[in-house]
């Protein structure tokens, strides 16, 4: 049955998870560049003249790094150092963009530059390049999740590890429908960073696997930890769906009532309370709940379907 709701999706939430990933990417990539520039000396050629890449990076001058790199690549098209640093700068600038129209060209630019670098012999920082490529393909779109997995796995095989790799791998495996592998990586991520968002994502993943006991456990943990009312509501909607599927109607009802206590204008909560009443044979009580949903949201698709069809 089609549902009219944006408040309780039962699928992974790329937008929410990417907020956390973007933040971690910025910190980790900054540390990565600091280490790289320290290892190779501050003075690195990324343009027609010697420029201080570390200083530019610390100042957030990614445009200047890219501009100098563009000029240098005109002079030496396959300079590995310029390709690598320009690729990292393009990725870093891209993940910080909120607008897809601004983000995607930079992500694509990073991928092109870094893949060119991998074609060259003795390219420095190969594990780190695969790491950034894996993240870049994830941010590109869900249709590139397989390439995200490929490059992140390659980075691990080459001995590189970053704290956000498990989360990225979990999300990428989720996008290709391999929820068992996704859950394994999310569990590793939760061990290191048991955030409310990760716990919610793990709960969703177990829901997809039909492992409802595990899903309930992690959703409860997310509720206990979070201060985000919207995230708590999503957890409770998914708990309500799980309890309804397992015919634990009183437990499902309790979740929807908590939602209404905190958000009296939740048309979805009234709609699903109506579904519970219908499942228990209480047609009049069900219609009363659907009417409440319709009153709050006259365009609520499912309430309209129940009341007028």
Protein backbone atom coordinates (compact mmCIF):
# COMPACT_ATOMS: atom_id res chain seq x y z
CA UNK A 1 0.00 0.00 0.00
CA UNK A 2 1.36 3.38 -0.93
CA UNK A 3 2.12 5.68 1.96
CA UNK A 4 1.99 9.42 2.16
CA UNK A 5 4.70 10.30 4.60
CA UNK A 6 8.10 11.85 4.69
CA UNK A 7 8.39 11.54 8.46
CA UNK A 8 9.18 7.87 8.84
CA UNK A 9 10.99 6.40 5.88
CA UNK A 10 11.91 2.75 6.34
CA UNK A 11 14.90 3.05 4.04
CA UNK A 12 18.36 4.44 4.76
CA UNK A 13 18.51 8.22 4.89
CA UNK A 14 21.37 9.47 2.76
CA UNK A 15 20.74 13.10 3.66
CA UNK A 16 21.02 12.58 7.41
CA UNK A 17 23.96 10.24 7.22
CA UNK A 18 25.81 12.44 4.76
CA UNK A 19 25.67 15.34 7.23
CA UNK A 20 27.77 13.28 9.63
CA UNK A 21 30.00 11.96 6.86
CA UNK A 22 30.71 15.38 5.39
CA UNK A 23 31.73 16.70 8.79
CA UNK A 24 34.05 13.77 9.42
CA UNK A 25 35.42 14.01 5.88
CA UNK A 26 36.45 17.63 6.37
CA UNK A 27 38.32 16.85 9.60
CA UNK A 28 39.96 13.67 8.33
CA UNK A 29 41.01 15.11 5.01
CA UNK A 30 42.49 18.15 6.73
CA UNK A 31 44.58 15.84 8.90
CA UNK A 32 45.51 13.80 5.86
CA UNK A 33 46.75 16.83 3.93
CA UNK A 34 48.65 18.06 6.96
CA UNK A 35 50.49 14.76 7.17
CA UNK A 36 51.12 14.63 3.42
CA UNK A 37 52.54 18.12 3.21
CA UNK A 38 54.68 17.53 6.28
CA UNK A 39 56.01 14.34 4.73
CA UNK A 40 56.82 15.91 1.37
CA UNK A 41 57.89 19.34 2.70
CA UNK A 42 55.77 22.45 2.71
CA UNK A 43 57.09 23.67 -0.62
CA UNK A 44 55.32 21.62 -3.30
CA UNK A 45 54.97 22.60 -6.93
CA UNK A 46 51.32 22.95 -7.83
CA UNK A 47 51.70 25.76 -10.29
CA UNK A 48 54.26 27.59 -12.36
CA UNK A 49 55.97 28.72 -9.15
CA UNK A 50 56.64 27.12 -5.79
CA UNK A 51 53.63 27.58 -3.47
CA UNK A 52 53.07 26.62 0.14
CA UNK A 53 50.30 24.01 -0.11
CA UNK A 54 49.98 23.56 3.64
CA UNK A 55 49.48 27.29 4.14
CA UNK A 56 46.88 27.41 1.37
CA UNK A 57 45.13 24.38 2.86
CA UNK A 58 45.06 25.79 6.38
CA UNK A 59 43.61 29.01 4.98
CA UNK A 60 40.90 27.08 3.15
CA UNK A 61 42.26 28.36 -0.17
CA UNK A 62 41.06 25.37 -2.21
CA UNK A 63 40.26 27.58 -5.19
CA UNK A 64 43.85 28.80 -5.25
CA UNK A 65 45.18 25.24 -5.01
CA UNK A 66 42.95 24.25 -7.92
CA UNK A 67 43.89 27.35 -9.95
CA UNK A 68 47.62 26.74 -9.47
CA UNK A 69 47.10 23.07 -10.27
CA UNK A 70 45.25 23.91 -13.46
CA UNK A 71 48.14 26.06 -14.68
CA UNK A 72 50.70 23.42 -13.77
CA UNK A 73 48.76 20.68 -15.55
CA UNK A 74 48.76 22.80 -18.71
CA UNK A 75 52.54 22.76 -18.48
CA UNK A 76 52.97 19.16 -17.31
CA UNK A 77 49.64 17.34 -17.88
CA UNK A 78 50.64 14.21 -16.00
CA UNK A 79 52.40 15.61 -12.97
CA UNK A 80 51.42 13.14 -10.26
CA UNK A 81 51.79 15.52 -7.30
CA UNK A 82 49.64 18.16 -8.93
CA UNK A 83 46.97 15.63 -9.89
CA UNK A 84 46.82 14.24 -6.35
CA UNK A 85 46.69 17.54 -4.50
CA UNK A 86 44.25 19.09 -6.95
CA UNK A 87 42.06 15.99 -6.63
CA UNK A 88 42.07 16.21 -2.85
CA UNK A 89 41.25 19.93 -2.99
CA UNK A 90 38.38 19.38 -5.42
CA UNK A 91 36.93 16.65 -3.20
CA UNK A 92 37.29 18.71 -0.03
CA UNK A 93 35.62 21.70 -1.66
CA UNK A 94 32.90 19.50 -3.14
CA UNK A 95 31.79 17.73 0.04
CA UNK A 96 31.43 21.10 1.77
CA UNK A 97 28.87 22.22 -0.83
CA UNK A 98 25.19 21.82 0.05
CA UNK A 99 23.87 22.38 -3.46
CA UNK A 100 24.06 19.31 -5.70
CA UNK A 101 24.60 21.60 -8.69
CA UNK A 102 27.80 22.91 -7.08
CA UNK A 103 28.86 19.68 -5.41
CA UNK A 104 28.71 17.26 -8.35
CA UNK A 105 31.10 19.06 -10.76
CA UNK A 106 33.75 19.22 -8.02
CA UNK A 107 33.27 15.57 -7.09
CA UNK A 108 33.59 14.64 -10.77
CA UNK A 109 36.70 16.78 -11.07
CA UNK A 110 38.24 15.03 -8.06
CA UNK A 111 37.51 11.61 -9.54
CA UNK A 112 39.03 12.50 -12.92
CA UNK A 113 42.19 13.94 -11.38
CA UNK A 114 42.75 11.08 -8.96
CA UNK A 115 42.06 8.36 -11.51
CA UNK A 116 44.60 9.97 -13.82
CA UNK A 117 47.11 9.92 -10.98
CA UNK A 118 46.55 6.19 -10.47
CA UNK A 119 47.47 5.54 -14.11
CA UNK A 120 50.99 6.86 -13.55
CA UNK A 121 53.88 4.74 -12.31
CA UNK A 122 55.01 5.23 -8.71
CA UNK A 123 52.19 7.62 -7.86
CA UNK A 124 52.56 8.67 -4.22
CA UNK A 125 49.82 8.11 -1.65
CA UNK A 126 48.02 5.35 -3.56
CA UNK A 127 46.09 4.07 -0.48
CA UNK A 128 44.91 7.60 0.32
CA UNK A 129 43.87 8.15 -3.30
CA UNK A 130 41.68 5.02 -3.20
CA UNK A 131 40.22 6.21 0.11
CA UNK A 132 39.22 9.59 -1.31
CA UNK A 133 37.95 8.00 -4.53
CA UNK A 134 35.75 5.66 -2.50
CA UNK A 135 34.20 8.60 -0.69
CA UNK A 136 33.90 10.64 -3.87
CA UNK A 137 31.97 7.87 -5.64
CA UNK A 138 29.65 7.58 -2.64
CA UNK A 139 28.86 11.29 -2.77
CA UNK A 140 28.45 11.16 -6.55
CA UNK A 141 25.24 9.08 -6.41
CA UNK A 142 23.84 5.73 -5.33
CA UNK A 143 24.53 4.34 -8.79
CA UNK A 144 28.27 4.47 -8.05
CA UNK A 145 28.08 2.64 -4.73
CA UNK A 146 29.84 -0.41 -6.21
CA UNK A 147 32.84 1.75 -7.14
CA UNK A 148 32.79 3.28 -3.67
CA UNK A 149 33.07 -0.20 -2.19
CA UNK A 150 35.82 -1.14 -4.67
CA UNK A 151 38.09 1.79 -3.82
CA UNK A 152 37.48 1.81 -0.07
CA UNK A 153 38.23 -1.92 0.05
CA UNK A 154 41.38 -1.35 -1.99
CA UNK A 155 42.52 1.34 0.45
CA UNK A 156 42.08 -1.15 3.31
CA UNK A 157 44.00 -3.82 1.42
CA UNK A 158 46.86 -1.36 0.98
CA UNK A 159 46.96 -0.81 4.72
CA UNK A 160 45.14 2.50 5.00
CA UNK A 161 42.40 3.03 7.55
CA UNK A 162 40.37 6.08 8.57
CA UNK A 163 37.72 6.32 11.27
CA UNK A 164 34.90 6.99 8.81
CA UNK A 165 35.70 4.12 6.43
CA UNK A 166 33.45 1.61 8.17
CA UNK A 167 30.49 3.97 8.01
CA UNK A 168 31.07 4.72 4.33
CA UNK A 169 31.37 1.02 3.54
CA UNK A 170 28.19 0.29 5.51
CA UNK A 171 26.26 2.94 3.61
CA UNK A 172 27.63 1.84 0.24
CA UNK A 173 26.73 -1.79 0.90
CA UNK A 174 23.23 -0.65 1.93
CA UNK A 175 22.81 1.14 -1.38
CA UNK A 176 23.53 -2.06 -3.31
CA UNK A 177 21.17 -4.07 -1.10
CA UNK A 178 23.87 -6.08 0.68
CA UNK A 179 22.56 -5.48 4.18
CA UNK A 180 24.52 -8.25 5.91
CA UNK A 181 27.84 -6.65 4.93
CA UNK A 182 26.39 -3.22 5.72
CA UNK A 183 25.46 -4.29 9.25
CA UNK A 184 28.95 -5.67 9.86
CA UNK A 185 30.58 -2.38 8.95
CA UNK A 186 28.02 -0.31 10.86
CA UNK A 187 28.69 -2.43 13.96
CA UNK A 188 32.40 -1.67 13.66
CA UNK A 189 31.59 2.01 13.23
CA UNK A 190 29.31 2.03 16.28
CA UNK A 191 32.07 0.50 18.38
CA UNK A 192 34.22 3.53 17.64
CA UNK A 193 31.52 6.23 17.44
CA UNK A 194 28.17 5.22 18.97
CA UNK A 195 26.29 8.27 17.70
CA UNK A 196 22.50 8.51 17.64
CA UNK A 197 22.58 8.70 13.84
CA UNK A 198 24.72 5.57 13.48
CA UNK A 199 22.50 3.66 15.90
CA UNK A 200 19.43 4.70 13.86
CA UNK A 201 21.11 3.63 10.63
CA UNK A 202 22.02 0.26 12.14
CA UNK A 203 18.43 -0.16 13.31
CA UNK A 204 17.21 0.53 9.78
CA UNK A 205 19.68 -1.97 8.35
CA UNK A 206 18.48 -4.76 10.64
CA UNK A 207 14.91 -3.84 9.72
CA UNK A 208 15.81 -4.39 6.06
CA UNK A 209 17.21 -7.80 7.03
CA UNK A 210 13.97 -8.66 8.89
CA UNK A 211 15.97 -9.02 12.10
CA UNK A 212 13.45 -7.16 14.18
CA UNK A 213 14.87 -7.85 17.65
CA UNK A 214 18.21 -6.31 16.69
CA UNK A 215 16.44 -3.43 14.93
CA UNK A 216 14.39 -2.67 18.05
CA UNK A 217 17.50 -2.75 20.25
CA UNK A 218 19.43 -0.21 18.20
CA UNK A 219 16.42 2.03 17.60
CA UNK A 220 15.85 2.15 21.37
CA UNK A 221 19.51 3.02 21.87
CA UNK A 222 19.21 5.83 19.34
CA UNK A 223 16.13 7.23 21.11
CA UNK A 224 17.89 7.11 24.47
CA UNK A 225 20.92 8.92 23.09
CA UNK A 226 19.45 11.53 20.78
CA UNK A 227 18.31 15.05 21.48
CA UNK A 228 17.04 15.41 17.92
CA UNK A 229 13.24 15.25 18.04
CA UNK A 230 12.98 14.56 14.32
CA UNK A 231 15.34 11.58 14.59
CA UNK A 232 13.47 10.29 17.64
CA UNK A 233 10.23 10.50 15.68
CA UNK A 234 11.70 8.50 12.81
CA UNK A 235 12.86 5.84 15.26
CA UNK A 236 9.41 5.61 16.81
CA UNK A 237 7.67 5.37 13.44
CA UNK A 238 9.93 2.50 12.45
CA UNK A 239 9.36 0.82 15.82
CA UNK A 240 5.61 1.22 15.26
CA UNK A 241 5.96 -0.46 11.87
CA UNK A 242 7.98 -3.32 13.32
CA UNK A 243 5.50 -3.93 16.14
CA UNK A 244 2.58 -3.77 13.71
CA UNK A 245 4.24 -6.32 11.40
CA UNK A 246 4.75 -8.65 14.35
CA UNK A 247 1.15 -8.04 15.54
CA UNK A 248 2.28 -6.47 18.81
CA UNK A 249 -0.41 -3.85 18.44
CA UNK A 250 -0.28 -2.40 21.95
CA UNK A 251 3.45 -1.72 21.61
CA UNK A 252 2.94 -0.13 18.19
CA UNK A 253 0.11 2.00 19.55
CA UNK A 254 2.33 3.19 22.39
CA UNK A 255 4.95 4.46 19.93
CA UNK A 256 2.41 6.44 17.91
CA UNK A 257 0.90 7.93 21.06
CA UNK A 258 4.35 9.15 22.17
CA UNK A 259 4.76 10.75 18.75
CA UNK A 260 1.41 12.52 19.12
CA UNK A 261 2.26 13.64 22.63
CA UNK A 262 5.31 15.44 21.24
CA UNK A 263 3.80 16.35 17.86
CA UNK A 264 -0.01 16.60 18.00
CA UNK A 265 -0.11 17.51 14.29
CA UNK A 266 1.30 14.23 13.06
CA UNK A 267 -1.22 13.02 10.50
CA UNK A 268 0.83 9.87 9.96
CA UNK A 269 0.60 8.86 13.61
CA UNK A 270 -3.21 9.11 13.48
CA UNK A 271 -3.29 7.19 10.22
CA UNK A 272 -1.27 4.29 11.64
CA UNK A 273 -3.32 4.26 14.82
CA UNK A 274 -6.28 3.78 12.50
CA UNK A 275 -4.50 0.87 10.83
CA UNK A 276 -3.96 -0.76 14.22
CA UNK A 277 -7.65 -0.36 15.08
CA UNK A 278 -8.59 -1.90 11.71
CA UNK A 279 -6.24 -4.85 12.32
CA UNK A 280 -8.05 -5.47 15.59
CA UNK A 281 -11.50 -5.28 13.96
CA UNK A 282 -12.42 -1.84 15.33
CA UNK A 283 -13.65 -0.20 12.13
CA UNK A 284 -15.37 2.79 13.76
CA UNK A 285 -12.30 3.63 15.85
CA UNK A 286 -10.16 3.21 12.74
CA UNK A 287 -12.25 5.68 10.74
CA UNK A 288 -12.10 8.15 13.63
CA UNK A 289 -8.29 8.10 13.49
CA UNK A 290 -8.25 8.43 9.69
CA UNK A 291 -10.57 11.44 9.97
CA UNK A 292 -8.12 13.05 12.40
CA UNK A 293 -5.33 12.45 9.91
CA UNK A 294 -7.45 13.94 7.11
CA UNK A 295 -8.31 16.99 9.21
CA UNK A 296 -4.61 17.68 9.84
CA UNK A 297 -3.61 16.97 6.25
CA UNK A 298 -6.45 16.94 3.68
CA UNK A 299 -3.94 15.75 1.07
CA UNK A 300 -2.86 12.71 3.08
CA UNK A 301 -3.00 10.02 0.41
CA UNK A 302 -3.58 6.99 2.62
CA UNK A 303 -6.19 8.68 4.79
CA UNK A 304 -8.08 9.70 1.65
CA UNK A 305 -7.85 6.16 0.31
CA UNK A 306 -9.28 4.71 3.52
CA UNK A 307 -12.05 7.27 3.92
CA UNK A 308 -13.27 7.73 0.36
CA UNK A 309 -12.59 4.47 -1.50
